[in-house]
Amino acid sequence: MQLILSRVLGLAFVIIGFLYLDPRDSTPTHTLVLPLLLGAGALLITRSPLAVALTGFLLTATNLNFNAQEWVTRWAYPAIGIICLVVICKVGLARLRRRISATHTHRWQTRQQKKP
């Protein structure tokens, strides 16, 4: 039940974000708050922090402009990109450690069988 509730809440976030988002408007609500709401909705729907972080990193990387007059493009997008990159690295290292520990026993048994 909790999974369904979180997915319905995520869907509501996505619908609200799509209904109110105006790509031509350069106010912080339309350039920062609503895209973050869409990302939060996607996270609640997919339950995949890596997918949301990778998408967020790619979107912020394509929209970087350090010469922009708006603070969102100049400061918030790089900060979000760095946060997404940290999440990507953390999830990647956790998966690597799980993979190493999962194959450790098998490798150890194989080495013990090869000894005379």
PDB file of N, CA and C in Angstrom:
ATOM      1  N   MET A   1       0.814  -1.193   0.000  1.00  0.00           N
ATOM      2  CA  MET A   1       0.000   0.000   0.000  1.00  0.00           C
ATOM      3  C   MET A   1       0.859   1.259   0.000  1.00  0.00           C
ATOM      4  N   GLN A   2       1.948   1.216   0.764  1.00  0.00           N
ATOM      5  CA  GLN A   2       2.844   2.376   0.837  1.00  0.00           C
ATOM      6  C   GLN A   2       3.478   2.644  -0.527  1.00  0.00           C
ATOM      7  N   LEU A   3       3.839   1.600  -1.248  1.00  0.00           N
ATOM      8  CA  LEU A   3       4.434   1.765  -2.577  1.00  0.00           C
ATOM      9  C   LEU A   3       3.450   2.430  -3.535  1.00  0.00           C
ATOM     10  N   ILE A   4       2.207   2.009  -3.490  1.00  0.00           N
ATOM     11  CA  ILE A   4       1.192   2.602  -4.361  1.00  0.00           C
ATOM     12  C   ILE A   4       0.968   4.061  -3.994  1.00  0.00           C
ATOM     13  N   LEU A   5       0.939   4.349  -2.698  1.00  0.00           N
ATOM     14  CA  LEU A   5       0.732   5.727  -2.245  1.00  0.00           C
ATOM     15  C   LEU A   5       1.871   6.637  -2.693  1.00  0.00           C
ATOM     16  N   SER A   6       3.107   6.160  -2.586  1.00  0.00           N
ATOM     17  CA  SER A   6       4.233   6.991  -3.017  1.00  0.00           C
ATOM     18  C   SER A   6       4.232   7.188  -4.535  1.00  0.00           C
ATOM     19  N   ARG A   7       3.831   6.179  -5.264  1.00  0.00           N
ATOM     20  CA  ARG A   7       3.768   6.332  -6.721  1.00  0.00           C
ATOM     21  C   ARG A   7       2.647   7.272  -7.150  1.00  0.00           C
ATOM     22  N   VAL A   8       1.534   7.228  -6.464  1.00  0.00           N
ATOM     23  CA  VAL A   8       0.436   8.152  -6.755  1.00  0.00           C
ATOM     24  C   VAL A   8       0.867   9.579  -6.418  1.00  0.00           C
ATOM     25  N   LEU A   9       1.562   9.762  -5.304  1.00  0.00           N
ATOM     26  CA  LEU A   9       2.071  11.077  -4.945  1.00  0.00           C
ATOM     27  C   LEU A   9       3.088  11.565  -5.979  1.00  0.00           C
ATOM     28  N   GLY A  10       3.960  10.669  -6.433  1.00  0.00           N
ATOM     29  CA  GLY A  10       4.916  11.021  -7.487  1.00  0.00           C
ATOM     30  C   GLY A  10       4.221  11.401  -8.781  1.00  0.00           C
ATOM     31  N   LEU A  11       3.182  10.676  -9.123  1.00  0.00           N
ATOM     32  CA  LEU A  11       2.413  11.001 -10.321  1.00  0.00           C
ATOM     33  C   LEU A  11       1.748  12.364 -10.184  1.00  0.00           C
ATOM     34  N   ALA A  12       1.258  12.670  -8.987  1.00  0.00           N
ATOM     35  CA  ALA A  12       0.654  13.989  -8.753  1.00  0.00           C
ATOM     36  C   ALA A  12       1.703  15.084  -8.918  1.00  0.00           C
ATOM     37  N   PHE A  13       2.923  14.856  -8.410  1.00  0.00           N
ATOM     38  CA  PHE A  13       4.007  15.833  -8.585  1.00  0.00           C
ATOM     39  C   PHE A  13       4.301  16.062 -10.060  1.00  0.00           C
ATOM     40  N   VAL A  14       4.375  14.982 -10.811  1.00  0.00           N
ATOM     41  CA  VAL A  14       4.685  15.092 -12.240  1.00  0.00           C
ATOM     42  C   VAL A  14       3.564  15.828 -12.977  1.00  0.00           C
ATOM     43  N   ILE A  15       2.337  15.502 -12.679  1.00  0.00           N
ATOM     44  CA  ILE A  15       1.208  16.165 -13.349  1.00  0.00           C
ATOM     45  C   ILE A  15       1.189  17.659 -13.013  1.00  0.00           C
ATOM     46  N   ILE A  16       1.372  17.993 -11.742  1.00  0.00           N
ATOM     47  CA  ILE A  16       1.412  19.410 -11.353  1.00  0.00           C
ATOM     48  C   ILE A  16       2.564  20.124 -12.051  1.00  0.00           C
ATOM     49  N   GLY A  17       3.717  19.473 -12.094  1.00  0.00           N
ATOM     50  CA  GLY A  17       4.868  20.069 -12.764  1.00  0.00           C
ATOM     51  C   GLY A  17       4.622  20.322 -14.237  1.00  0.00           C
ATOM     52  N   PHE A  18       4.028  19.358 -14.914  1.00  0.00           N
ATOM     53  CA  PHE A  18       3.753  19.529 -16.341  1.00  0.00           C
ATOM     54  C   PHE A  18       2.670  20.570 -16.614  1.00  0.00           C
ATOM     55  N   LEU A  19       1.690  20.629 -15.749  1.00  0.00           N
ATOM     56  CA  LEU A  19       0.614  21.585 -15.968  1.00  0.00           C
ATOM     57  C   LEU A  19       1.062  23.036 -15.788  1.00  0.00           C
ATOM     58  N   TYR A  20       1.958  23.262 -14.851  1.00  0.00           N
ATOM     59  CA  TYR A  20       2.346  24.641 -14.557  1.00  0.00           C
ATOM     60  C   TYR A  20       3.653  25.067 -15.206  1.00  0.00           C
ATOM     61  N   LEU A  21       4.429  24.142 -15.731  1.00  0.00           N
ATOM     62  CA  LEU A  21       5.728  24.470 -16.310  1.00  0.00           C
ATOM     63  C   LEU A  21       5.571  25.225 -17.630  1.00  0.00           C
ATOM     64  N   ASP A  22       6.257  26.351 -17.718  1.00  0.00           N
ATOM     65  CA  ASP A  22       6.297  27.133 -18.949  1.00  0.00           C
ATOM     66  C   ASP A  22       7.763  27.325 -19.307  1.00  0.00           C
ATOM     67  N   PRO A  23       8.267  26.627 -20.328  1.00  0.00           N
ATOM     68  CA  PRO A  23       9.693  26.703 -20.654  1.00  0.00           C
ATOM     69  C   PRO A  23      10.152  28.098 -21.090  1.00  0.00           C
ATOM     70  N   ARG A  24       9.220  28.930 -21.524  1.00  0.00           N
ATOM     71  CA  ARG A  24       9.600  30.279 -21.966  1.00  0.00           C
ATOM     72  C   ARG A  24       9.734  31.250 -20.811  1.00  0.00           C
ATOM     73  N   ASP A  25       9.211  30.890 -19.652  1.00  0.00           N
ATOM     74  CA  ASP A  25       9.274  31.758 -18.476  1.00  0.00           C
ATOM     75  C   ASP A  25      10.607  31.525 -17.764  1.00  0.00           C
ATOM     76  N   SER A  26      11.309  32.591 -17.441  1.00  0.00           N
ATOM     77  CA  SER A  26      12.630  32.447 -16.829  1.00  0.00           C
ATOM     78  C   SER A  26      12.629  32.750 -15.337  1.00  0.00           C
ATOM     79  N   THR A  27      11.471  32.714 -14.700  1.00  0.00           N
ATOM     80  CA  THR A  27      11.429  32.913 -13.259  1.00  0.00           C
ATOM     81  C   THR A  27      11.949  31.667 -12.550  1.00  0.00           C
ATOM     82  N   PRO A  28      12.450  31.816 -11.325  1.00  0.00           N
ATOM     83  CA  PRO A  28      12.971  30.646 -10.606  1.00  0.00           C
ATOM     84  C   PRO A  28      11.939  29.535 -10.404  1.00  0.00           C
ATOM     85  N   THR A  29      10.674  29.901 -10.355  1.00  0.00           N
ATOM     86  CA  THR A  29       9.651  28.861 -10.214  1.00  0.00           C
ATOM     87  C   THR A  29       9.662  27.920 -11.404  1.00  0.00           C
ATOM     88  N   HIS A  30       9.800  28.468 -12.603  1.00  0.00           N
ATOM     89  CA  HIS A  30       9.746  27.651 -13.816  1.00  0.00           C
ATOM     90  C   HIS A  30      11.100  27.071 -14.196  1.00  0.00           C
ATOM     91  N   THR A  31      12.180  27.654 -13.730  1.00  0.00           N
ATOM     92  CA  THR A  31      13.497  27.130 -14.095  1.00  0.00           C
ATOM     93  C   THR A  31      14.120  26.263 -13.015  1.00  0.00           C
ATOM     94  N   LEU A  32      13.601  26.331 -11.780  1.00  0.00           N
ATOM     95  CA  LEU A  32      14.201  25.550 -10.703  1.00  0.00           C
ATOM     96  C   LEU A  32      13.180  24.728  -9.916  1.00  0.00           C
ATOM     97  N   VAL A  33      12.151  25.355  -9.419  1.00  0.00           N
ATOM     98  CA  VAL A  33      11.225  24.677  -8.508  1.00  0.00           C
ATOM     99  C   VAL A  33      10.419  23.592  -9.222  1.00  0.00           C
ATOM    100  N   LEU A  34       9.817  23.925 -10.340  1.00  0.00           N
ATOM    101  CA  LEU A  34       9.008  22.928 -11.055  1.00  0.00           C
ATOM    102  C   LEU A  34       9.853  21.778 -11.621  1.00  0.00           C
ATOM    103  N   PRO A  35      11.051  22.022 -12.188  1.00  0.00           N
ATOM    104  CA  PRO A  35      11.878  20.880 -12.588  1.00  0.00           C
ATOM    105  C   PRO A  35      12.298  20.003 -11.412  1.00  0.00           C
ATOM    106  N   LEU A  36      12.564  20.605 -10.244  1.00  0.00           N
ATOM    107  CA  LEU A  36      12.867  19.793  -9.070  1.00  0.00           C
ATOM    108  C   LEU A  36      11.649  18.992  -8.624  1.00  0.00           C
ATOM    109  N   LEU A  37      10.475  19.574  -8.759  1.00  0.00           N
ATOM    110  CA  LEU A  37       9.243  18.847  -8.453  1.00  0.00           C
ATOM    111  C   LEU A  37       9.063  17.662  -9.407  1.00  0.00           C
ATOM    112  N   LEU A  38       9.374  17.862 -10.671  1.00  0.00           N
ATOM    113  CA  LEU A  38       9.307  16.758 -11.636  1.00  0.00           C
ATOM    114  C   LEU A  38      10.312  15.664 -11.275  1.00  0.00           C
ATOM    115  N   GLY A  39      11.511  16.061 -10.859  1.00  0.00           N
ATOM    116  CA  GLY A  39      12.514  15.074 -10.450  1.00  0.00           C
ATOM    117  C   GLY A  39      12.089  14.301  -9.213  1.00  0.00           C
ATOM    118  N   ALA A  40      11.495  15.000  -8.249  1.00  0.00           N
ATOM    119  CA  ALA A  40      11.003  14.322  -7.049  1.00  0.00           C
ATOM    120  C   ALA A  40       9.878  13.349  -7.409  1.00  0.00           C
ATOM    121  N   GLY A  41       9.008  13.761  -8.321  1.00  0.00           N
ATOM    122  CA  GLY A  41       7.946  12.860  -8.765  1.00  0.00           C
ATOM    123  C   GLY A  41       8.497  11.642  -9.479  1.00  0.00           C
ATOM    124  N   ALA A  42       9.505  11.858 -10.313  1.00  0.00           N
ATOM    125  CA  ALA A  42      10.128  10.717 -11.013  1.00  0.00           C
ATOM    126  C   ALA A  42      10.790   9.768 -10.027  1.00  0.00           C
ATOM    127  N   LEU A  43      11.406  10.325  -8.983  1.00  0.00           N
ATOM    128  CA  LEU A  43      12.032   9.476  -7.969  1.00  0.00           C
ATOM    129  C   LEU A  43      10.996   8.649  -7.218  1.00  0.00           C
ATOM    130  N   LEU A  44       9.873   9.265  -6.888  1.00  0.00           N
ATOM    131  CA  LEU A  44       8.821   8.524  -6.195  1.00  0.00           C
ATOM    132  C   LEU A  44       8.188   7.462  -7.082  1.00  0.00           C
ATOM    133  N   ILE A  45       8.099   7.730  -8.360  1.00  0.00           N
ATOM    134  CA  ILE A  45       7.490   6.755  -9.273  1.00  0.00           C
ATOM    135  C   ILE A  45       8.448   5.605  -9.560  1.00  0.00           C
ATOM    136  N   THR A  46       9.675   5.917  -9.918  1.00  0.00           N
ATOM    137  CA  THR A  46      10.615   4.873 -10.351  1.00  0.00           C
ATOM    138  C   THR A  46      11.365   4.202  -9.213  1.00  0.00           C
ATOM    139  N   ARG A  47      11.497   4.897  -8.082  1.00  0.00           N
ATOM    140  CA  ARG A  47      12.283   4.377  -6.960  1.00  0.00           C
ATOM    141  C   ARG A  47      13.727   4.109  -7.373  1.00  0.00           C
ATOM    142  N   SER A  48      14.259   4.897  -8.289  1.00  0.00           N
ATOM    143  CA  SER A  48      15.621   4.711  -8.778  1.00  0.00           C
ATOM    144  C   SER A  48      16.402   6.014  -8.658  1.00  0.00           C
ATOM    145  N   PRO A  49      17.130   6.194  -7.555  1.00  0.00           N
ATOM    146  CA  PRO A  49      17.908   7.422  -7.396  1.00  0.00           C
ATOM    147  C   PRO A  49      18.974   7.577  -8.477  1.00  0.00           C
ATOM    148  N   LEU A  50      19.529   6.467  -8.953  1.00  0.00           N
ATOM    149  CA  LEU A  50      20.565   6.556  -9.981  1.00  0.00           C
ATOM    150  C   LEU A  50      20.005   7.109 -11.281  1.00  0.00           C
ATOM    151  N   ALA A  51      18.826   6.657 -11.687  1.00  0.00           N
ATOM    152  CA  ALA A  51      18.233   7.155 -12.930  1.00  0.00           C
ATOM    153  C   ALA A  51      17.907   8.639 -12.827  1.00  0.00           C
ATOM    154  N   VAL A  52      17.358   9.048 -11.694  1.00  0.00           N
ATOM    155  CA  VAL A  52      17.012  10.458 -11.515  1.00  0.00           C
ATOM    156  C   VAL A  52      18.283  11.308 -11.431  1.00  0.00           C
ATOM    157  N   ALA A  53      19.309  10.823 -10.724  1.00  0.00           N
ATOM    158  CA  ALA A  53      20.557  11.576 -10.610  1.00  0.00           C
ATOM    159  C   ALA A  53      21.261  11.685 -11.957  1.00  0.00           C
ATOM    160  N   LEU A  54      21.270  10.621 -12.731  1.00  0.00           N
ATOM    161  CA  LEU A  54      21.899  10.672 -14.054  1.00  0.00           C
ATOM    162  C   LEU A  54      21.165  11.637 -14.968  1.00  0.00           C
ATOM    163  N   THR A  55      19.849  11.599 -14.939  1.00  0.00           N
ATOM    164  CA  THR A  55      19.066  12.536 -15.738  1.00  0.00           C
ATOM    165  C   THR A  55      19.283  13.970 -15.276  1.00  0.00           C
ATOM    166  N   GLY A  56      19.275  14.187 -13.979  1.00  0.00           N
ATOM    167  CA  GLY A  56      19.516  15.521 -13.446  1.00  0.00           C
ATOM    168  C   GLY A  56      20.895  16.046 -13.797  1.00  0.00           C
ATOM    169  N   PHE A  57      21.900  15.178 -13.728  1.00  0.00           N
ATOM    170  CA  PHE A  57      23.250  15.597 -14.086  1.00  0.00           C
ATOM    171  C   PHE A  57      23.345  15.977 -15.565  1.00  0.00           C
ATOM    172  N   LEU A  58      22.765  15.152 -16.417  1.00  0.00           N
ATOM    173  CA  LEU A  58      22.816  15.445 -17.849  1.00  0.00           C
ATOM    174  C   LEU A  58      22.059  16.723 -18.198  1.00  0.00           C
ATOM    175  N   LEU A  59      20.907  16.930 -17.566  1.00  0.00           N
ATOM    176  CA  LEU A  59      20.144  18.149 -17.837  1.00  0.00           C
ATOM    177  C   LEU A  59      20.872  19.397 -17.333  1.00  0.00           C
ATOM    178  N   THR A  60      21.467  19.317 -16.159  1.00  0.00           N
ATOM    179  CA  THR A  60      22.195  20.489 -15.665  1.00  0.00           C
ATOM    180  C   THR A  60      23.460  20.732 -16.469  1.00  0.00           C
ATOM    181  N   ALA A  61      24.098  19.665 -16.923  1.00  0.00           N
ATOM    182  CA  ALA A  61      25.308  19.839 -17.732  1.00  0.00           C
ATOM    183  C   ALA A  61      24.997  20.502 -19.073  1.00  0.00           C
ATOM    184  N   THR A  62      23.851  20.191 -19.645  1.00  0.00           N
ATOM    185  CA  THR A  62      23.504  20.805 -20.927  1.00  0.00           C
ATOM    186  C   THR A  62      23.023  22.240 -20.772  1.00  0.00           C
ATOM    187  N   ASN A  63      22.576  22.627 -19.574  1.00  0.00           N
ATOM    188  CA  ASN A  63      22.065  23.975 -19.359  1.00  0.00           C
ATOM    189  C   ASN A  63      23.027  24.883 -18.607  1.00  0.00           C
ATOM    190  N   LEU A  64      24.264  24.447 -18.408  1.00  0.00           N
ATOM    191  CA  LEU A  64      25.226  25.285 -17.692  1.00  0.00           C
ATOM    192  C   LEU A  64      25.564  26.531 -18.502  1.00  0.00           C
ATOM    193  N   ASN A  65      25.588  27.657 -17.815  1.00  0.00           N
ATOM    194  CA  ASN A  65      25.998  28.911 -18.429  1.00  0.00           C
ATOM    195  C   ASN A  65      26.500  29.805 -17.300  1.00  0.00           C
ATOM    196  N   PHE A  66      27.812  29.859 -17.132  1.00  0.00           N
ATOM    197  CA  PHE A  66      28.388  30.628 -16.041  1.00  0.00           C
ATOM    198  C   PHE A  66      28.351  32.131 -16.294  1.00  0.00           C
ATOM    199  N   ASN A  67      28.016  32.548 -17.495  1.00  0.00           N
ATOM    200  CA  ASN A  67      27.912  33.964 -17.824  1.00  0.00           C
ATOM    201  C   ASN A  67      26.471  34.471 -17.788  1.00  0.00           C
ATOM    202  N   ALA A  68      25.558  33.633 -17.351  1.00  0.00           N
ATOM    203  CA  ALA A  68      24.143  34.008 -17.337  1.00  0.00           C
ATOM    204  C   ALA A  68      23.867  35.047 -16.259  1.00  0.00           C
ATOM    205  N   GLN A  69      22.836  35.817 -16.477  1.00  0.00           N
ATOM    206  CA  GLN A  69      22.448  36.828 -15.503  1.00  0.00           C
ATOM    207  C   GLN A  69      21.582  36.233 -14.382  1.00  0.00           C
ATOM    208  N   GLU A  70      20.842  35.153 -14.661  1.00  0.00           N
ATOM    209  CA  GLU A  70      19.975  34.541 -13.672  1.00  0.00           C
ATOM    210  C   GLU A  70      20.792  33.691 -12.706  1.00  0.00           C
ATOM    211  N   TRP A  71      20.474  33.774 -11.441  1.00  0.00           N
ATOM    212  CA  TRP A  71      21.213  33.022 -10.432  1.00  0.00           C
ATOM    213  C   TRP A  71      20.945  31.523 -10.543  1.00  0.00           C
ATOM    214  N   VAL A  72      19.788  31.162 -11.087  1.00  0.00           N
ATOM    215  CA  VAL A  72      19.465  29.740 -11.203  1.00  0.00           C
ATOM    216  C   VAL A  72      20.427  29.051 -12.157  1.00  0.00           C
ATOM    217  N   THR A  73      20.625  29.653 -13.328  1.00  0.00           N
ATOM    218  CA  THR A  73      21.512  29.059 -14.320  1.00  0.00           C
ATOM    219  C   THR A  73      22.978  29.160 -13.889  1.00  0.00           C
ATOM    220  N   ARG A  74      23.298  30.215 -13.202  1.00  0.00           N
ATOM    221  CA  ARG A  74      24.690  30.451 -12.827  1.00  0.00           C
ATOM    222  C   ARG A  74      25.125  29.666 -11.603  1.00  0.00           C
ATOM    223  N   TRP A  75      24.259  29.522 -10.589  1.00  0.00           N
ATOM    224  CA  TRP A  75      24.661  28.891  -9.328  1.00  0.00           C
ATOM    225  C   TRP A  75      23.888  27.619  -8.997  1.00  0.00           C
ATOM    226  N   ALA A  76      22.598  27.610  -9.223  1.00  0.00           N
ATOM    227  CA  ALA A  76      21.795  26.462  -8.796  1.00  0.00           C
ATOM    228  C   ALA A  76      22.034  25.241  -9.684  1.00  0.00           C
ATOM    229  N   TYR A  77      22.114  25.432 -10.990  1.00  0.00           N
ATOM    230  CA  TYR A  77      22.335  24.285 -11.871  1.00  0.00           C
ATOM    231  C   TYR A  77      23.672  23.595 -11.602  1.00  0.00           C
ATOM    232  N   PRO A  78      24.781  24.334 -11.436  1.00  0.00           N
ATOM    233  CA  PRO A  78      26.019  23.629 -11.091  1.00  0.00           C
ATOM    234  C   PRO A  78      25.945  22.911  -9.744  1.00  0.00           C
ATOM    235  N   ALA A  79      25.262  23.509  -8.763  1.00  0.00           N
ATOM    236  CA  ALA A  79      25.127  22.856  -7.462  1.00  0.00           C
ATOM    237  C   ALA A  79      24.311  21.562  -7.587  1.00  0.00           C
ATOM    238  N   ILE A  80      23.239  21.610  -8.356  1.00  0.00           N
ATOM    239  CA  ILE A  80      22.431  20.409  -8.560  1.00  0.00           C
ATOM    240  C   ILE A  80      23.234  19.353  -9.321  1.00  0.00           C
ATOM    241  N   GLY A  81      24.016  19.795 -10.303  1.00  0.00           N
ATOM    242  CA  GLY A  81      24.868  18.859 -11.044  1.00  0.00           C
ATOM    243  C   GLY A  81      25.886  18.180 -10.148  1.00  0.00           C
ATOM    244  N   ILE A  82      26.478  18.922  -9.221  1.00  0.00           N
ATOM    245  CA  ILE A  82      27.452  18.337  -8.298  1.00  0.00           C
ATOM    246  C   ILE A  82      26.767  17.348  -7.357  1.00  0.00           C
ATOM    247  N   ILE A  83      25.601  17.708  -6.860  1.00  0.00           N
ATOM    248  CA  ILE A  83      24.854  16.789  -5.986  1.00  0.00           C
ATOM    249  C   ILE A  83      24.508  15.512  -6.741  1.00  0.00           C
ATOM    250  N   CYS A  84      24.067  15.648  -7.977  1.00  0.00           N
ATOM    251  CA  CYS A  84      23.741  14.464  -8.791  1.00  0.00           C
ATOM    252  C   CYS A  84      24.973  13.614  -9.044  1.00  0.00           C
ATOM    253  N   LEU A  85      26.110  14.249  -9.288  1.00  0.00           N
ATOM    254  CA  LEU A  85      27.350  13.510  -9.517  1.00  0.00           C
ATOM    255  C   LEU A  85      27.769  12.747  -8.266  1.00  0.00           C
ATOM    256  N   VAL A  86      27.594  13.354  -7.092  1.00  0.00           N
ATOM    257  CA  VAL A  86      27.909  12.658  -5.844  1.00  0.00           C
ATOM    258  C   VAL A  86      27.001  11.442  -5.665  1.00  0.00           C
ATOM    259  N   VAL A  87      25.716  11.591  -5.971  1.00  0.00           N
ATOM    260  CA  VAL A  87      24.786  10.459  -5.862  1.00  0.00           C
ATOM    261  C   VAL A  87      25.173   9.352  -6.840  1.00  0.00           C
ATOM    262  N   ILE A  88      25.537   9.723  -8.058  1.00  0.00           N
ATOM    263  CA  ILE A  88      25.959   8.734  -9.059  1.00  0.00           C
ATOM    264  C   ILE A  88      27.177   7.961  -8.566  1.00  0.00           C
ATOM    265  N   CYS A  89      28.167   8.676  -8.045  1.00  0.00           N
ATOM    266  CA  CYS A  89      29.380   8.022  -7.546  1.00  0.00           C
ATOM    267  C   CYS A  89      29.083   7.130  -6.347  1.00  0.00           C
ATOM    268  N   LYS A  90      28.239   7.602  -5.438  1.00  0.00           N
ATOM    269  CA  LYS A  90      27.906   6.818  -4.253  1.00  0.00           C
ATOM    270  C   LYS A  90      27.176   5.533  -4.618  1.00  0.00           C
ATOM    271  N   VAL A  91      26.193   5.628  -5.504  1.00  0.00           N
ATOM    272  CA  VAL A  91      25.446   4.437  -5.915  1.00  0.00           C
ATOM    273  C   VAL A  91      26.361   3.486  -6.696  1.00  0.00           C
ATOM    274  N   GLY A  92      27.205   4.041  -7.558  1.00  0.00           N
ATOM    275  CA  GLY A  92      28.132   3.207  -8.316  1.00  0.00           C
ATOM    276  C   GLY A  92      29.112   2.462  -7.429  1.00  0.00           C
ATOM    277  N   LEU A  93      29.674   3.147  -6.424  1.00  0.00           N
ATOM    278  CA  LEU A  93      30.590   2.481  -5.502  1.00  0.00           C
ATOM    279  C   LEU A  93      29.877   1.435  -4.651  1.00  0.00           C
ATOM    280  N   ALA A  94      28.660   1.710  -4.245  1.00  0.00           N
ATOM    281  CA  ALA A  94      27.901   0.721  -3.467  1.00  0.00           C
ATOM    282  C   ALA A  94      27.626  -0.532  -4.303  1.00  0.00           C
ATOM    283  N   ARG A  95      27.286  -0.336  -5.567  1.00  0.00           N
ATOM    284  CA  ARG A  95      27.048  -1.495  -6.441  1.00  0.00           C
ATOM    285  C   ARG A  95      28.338  -2.270  -6.678  1.00  0.00           C
ATOM    286  N   LEU A  96      29.448  -1.570  -6.829  1.00  0.00           N
ATOM    287  CA  LEU A  96      30.743  -2.235  -7.019  1.00  0.00           C
ATOM    288  C   LEU A  96      31.103  -3.055  -5.784  1.00  0.00           C
ATOM    289  N   ARG A  97      30.909  -2.488  -4.609  1.00  0.00           N
ATOM    290  CA  ARG A  97      31.218  -3.222  -3.373  1.00  0.00           C
ATOM    291  C   ARG A  97      30.332  -4.452  -3.217  1.00  0.00           C
ATOM    292  N   ARG A  98      29.053  -4.320  -3.542  1.00  0.00           N
ATOM    293  CA  ARG A  98      28.161  -5.483  -3.481  1.00  0.00           C
ATOM    294  C   ARG A  98      28.606  -6.573  -4.444  1.00  0.00           C
ATOM    295  N   ARG A  99      29.015  -6.170  -5.633  1.00  0.00           N
ATOM    296  CA  ARG A  99      29.460  -7.147  -6.632  1.00  0.00           C
ATOM    297  C   ARG A  99      30.737  -7.843  -6.183  1.00  0.00           C
ATOM    298  N   ILE A 100      31.653  -7.088  -5.609  1.00  0.00           N
ATOM    299  CA  ILE A 100      32.907  -7.674  -5.124  1.00  0.00           C
ATOM    300  C   ILE A 100      32.629  -8.655  -3.996  1.00  0.00           C
ATOM    301  N   SER A 101      31.780  -8.272  -3.046  1.00  0.00           N
ATOM    302  CA  SER A 101      31.489  -9.175  -1.926  1.00  0.00           C
ATOM    303  C   SER A 101      30.692 -10.394  -2.382  1.00  0.00           C
ATOM    304  N   ALA A 102      29.866 -10.256  -3.396  1.00  0.00           N
ATOM    305  CA  ALA A 102      29.086 -11.395  -3.888  1.00  0.00           C
ATOM    306  C   ALA A 102      29.979 -12.424  -4.579  1.00  0.00           C
ATOM    307  N   THR A 103      31.015 -11.975  -5.255  1.00  0.00           N
ATOM    308  CA  THR A 103      31.882 -12.916  -5.955  1.00  0.00           C
ATOM    309  C   THR A 103      33.072 -13.356  -5.116  1.00  0.00           C
ATOM    310  N   HIS A 104      33.258 -12.750  -3.934  1.00  0.00           N
ATOM    311  CA  HIS A 104      34.410 -13.071  -3.094  1.00  0.00           C
ATOM    312  C   HIS A 104      34.409 -14.540  -2.667  1.00  0.00           C
ATOM    313  N   THR A 105      33.288 -15.038  -2.199  1.00  0.00           N
ATOM    314  CA  THR A 105      33.204 -16.424  -1.737  1.00  0.00           C
ATOM    315  C   THR A 105      33.473 -17.394  -2.878  1.00  0.00           C
ATOM    316  N   HIS A 106      32.910 -17.122  -4.025  1.00  0.00           N
ATOM    317  CA  HIS A 106      33.120 -18.000  -5.181  1.00  0.00           C
ATOM    318  C   HIS A 106      34.596 -18.026  -5.571  1.00  0.00           C
ATOM    319  N   ARG A 107      35.231 -16.880  -5.612  1.00  0.00           N
ATOM    320  CA  ARG A 107      36.658 -16.832  -5.970  1.00  0.00           C
ATOM    321  C   ARG A 107      37.498 -17.571  -4.940  1.00  0.00           C
ATOM    322  N   TRP A 108      37.175 -17.408  -3.659  1.00  0.00           N
ATOM    323  CA  TRP A 108      37.938 -18.055  -2.609  1.00  0.00           C
ATOM    324  C   TRP A 108      37.802 -19.576  -2.699  1.00  0.00           C
ATOM    325  N   GLN A 109      36.612 -20.083  -2.951  1.00  0.00           N
ATOM    326  CA  GLN A 109      36.413 -21.522  -3.086  1.00  0.00           C
ATOM    327  C   GLN A 109      37.155 -22.071  -4.299  1.00  0.00           C
ATOM    328  N   THR A 110      37.167 -21.305  -5.390  1.00  0.00           N
ATOM    329  CA  THR A 110      37.883 -21.738  -6.588  1.00  0.00           C
ATOM    330  C   THR A 110      39.383 -21.829  -6.311  1.00  0.00           C
ATOM    331  N   ARG A 111      39.927 -20.885  -5.588  1.00  0.00           N
ATOM    332  CA  ARG A 111      41.361 -20.925  -5.249  1.00  0.00           C
ATOM    333  C   ARG A 111      41.677 -22.112  -4.343  1.00  0.00           C
ATOM    334  N   GLN A 112      40.804 -22.393  -3.399  1.00  0.00           N
ATOM    335  CA  GLN A 112      41.052 -23.502  -2.483  1.00  0.00           C
ATOM    336  C   GLN A 112      40.988 -24.842  -3.205  1.00  0.00           C
ATOM    337  N   GLN A 113      40.147 -24.980  -4.210  1.00  0.00           N
ATOM    338  CA  GLN A 113      40.045 -26.226  -4.966  1.00  0.00           C
ATOM    339  C   GLN A 113      41.257 -26.451  -5.846  1.00  0.00           C
ATOM    340  N   LYS A 114      41.903 -25.376  -6.307  1.00  0.00           N
ATOM    341  CA  LYS A 114      43.074 -25.504  -7.185  1.00  0.00           C
ATOM    342  C   LYS A 114      44.343 -25.856  -6.422  1.00  0.00           C
ATOM    343  N   LYS A 115      44.370 -25.634  -5.117  1.00  0.00           N
ATOM    344  CA  LYS A 115      45.578 -25.946  -4.332  1.00  0.00           C
ATOM    345  C   LYS A 115      45.721 -27.456  -4.207  1.00  0.00           C
ATOM    346  N   PRO A 116      46.966 -27.959  -4.268  1.00  0.00           N
ATOM    347  CA  PRO A 116      47.167 -29.416  -4.175  1.00  0.00           C
ATOM    348  C   PRO A 116      46.994 -29.960  -2.781  1.00  0.00           C
TER     349      PRO A 116
END
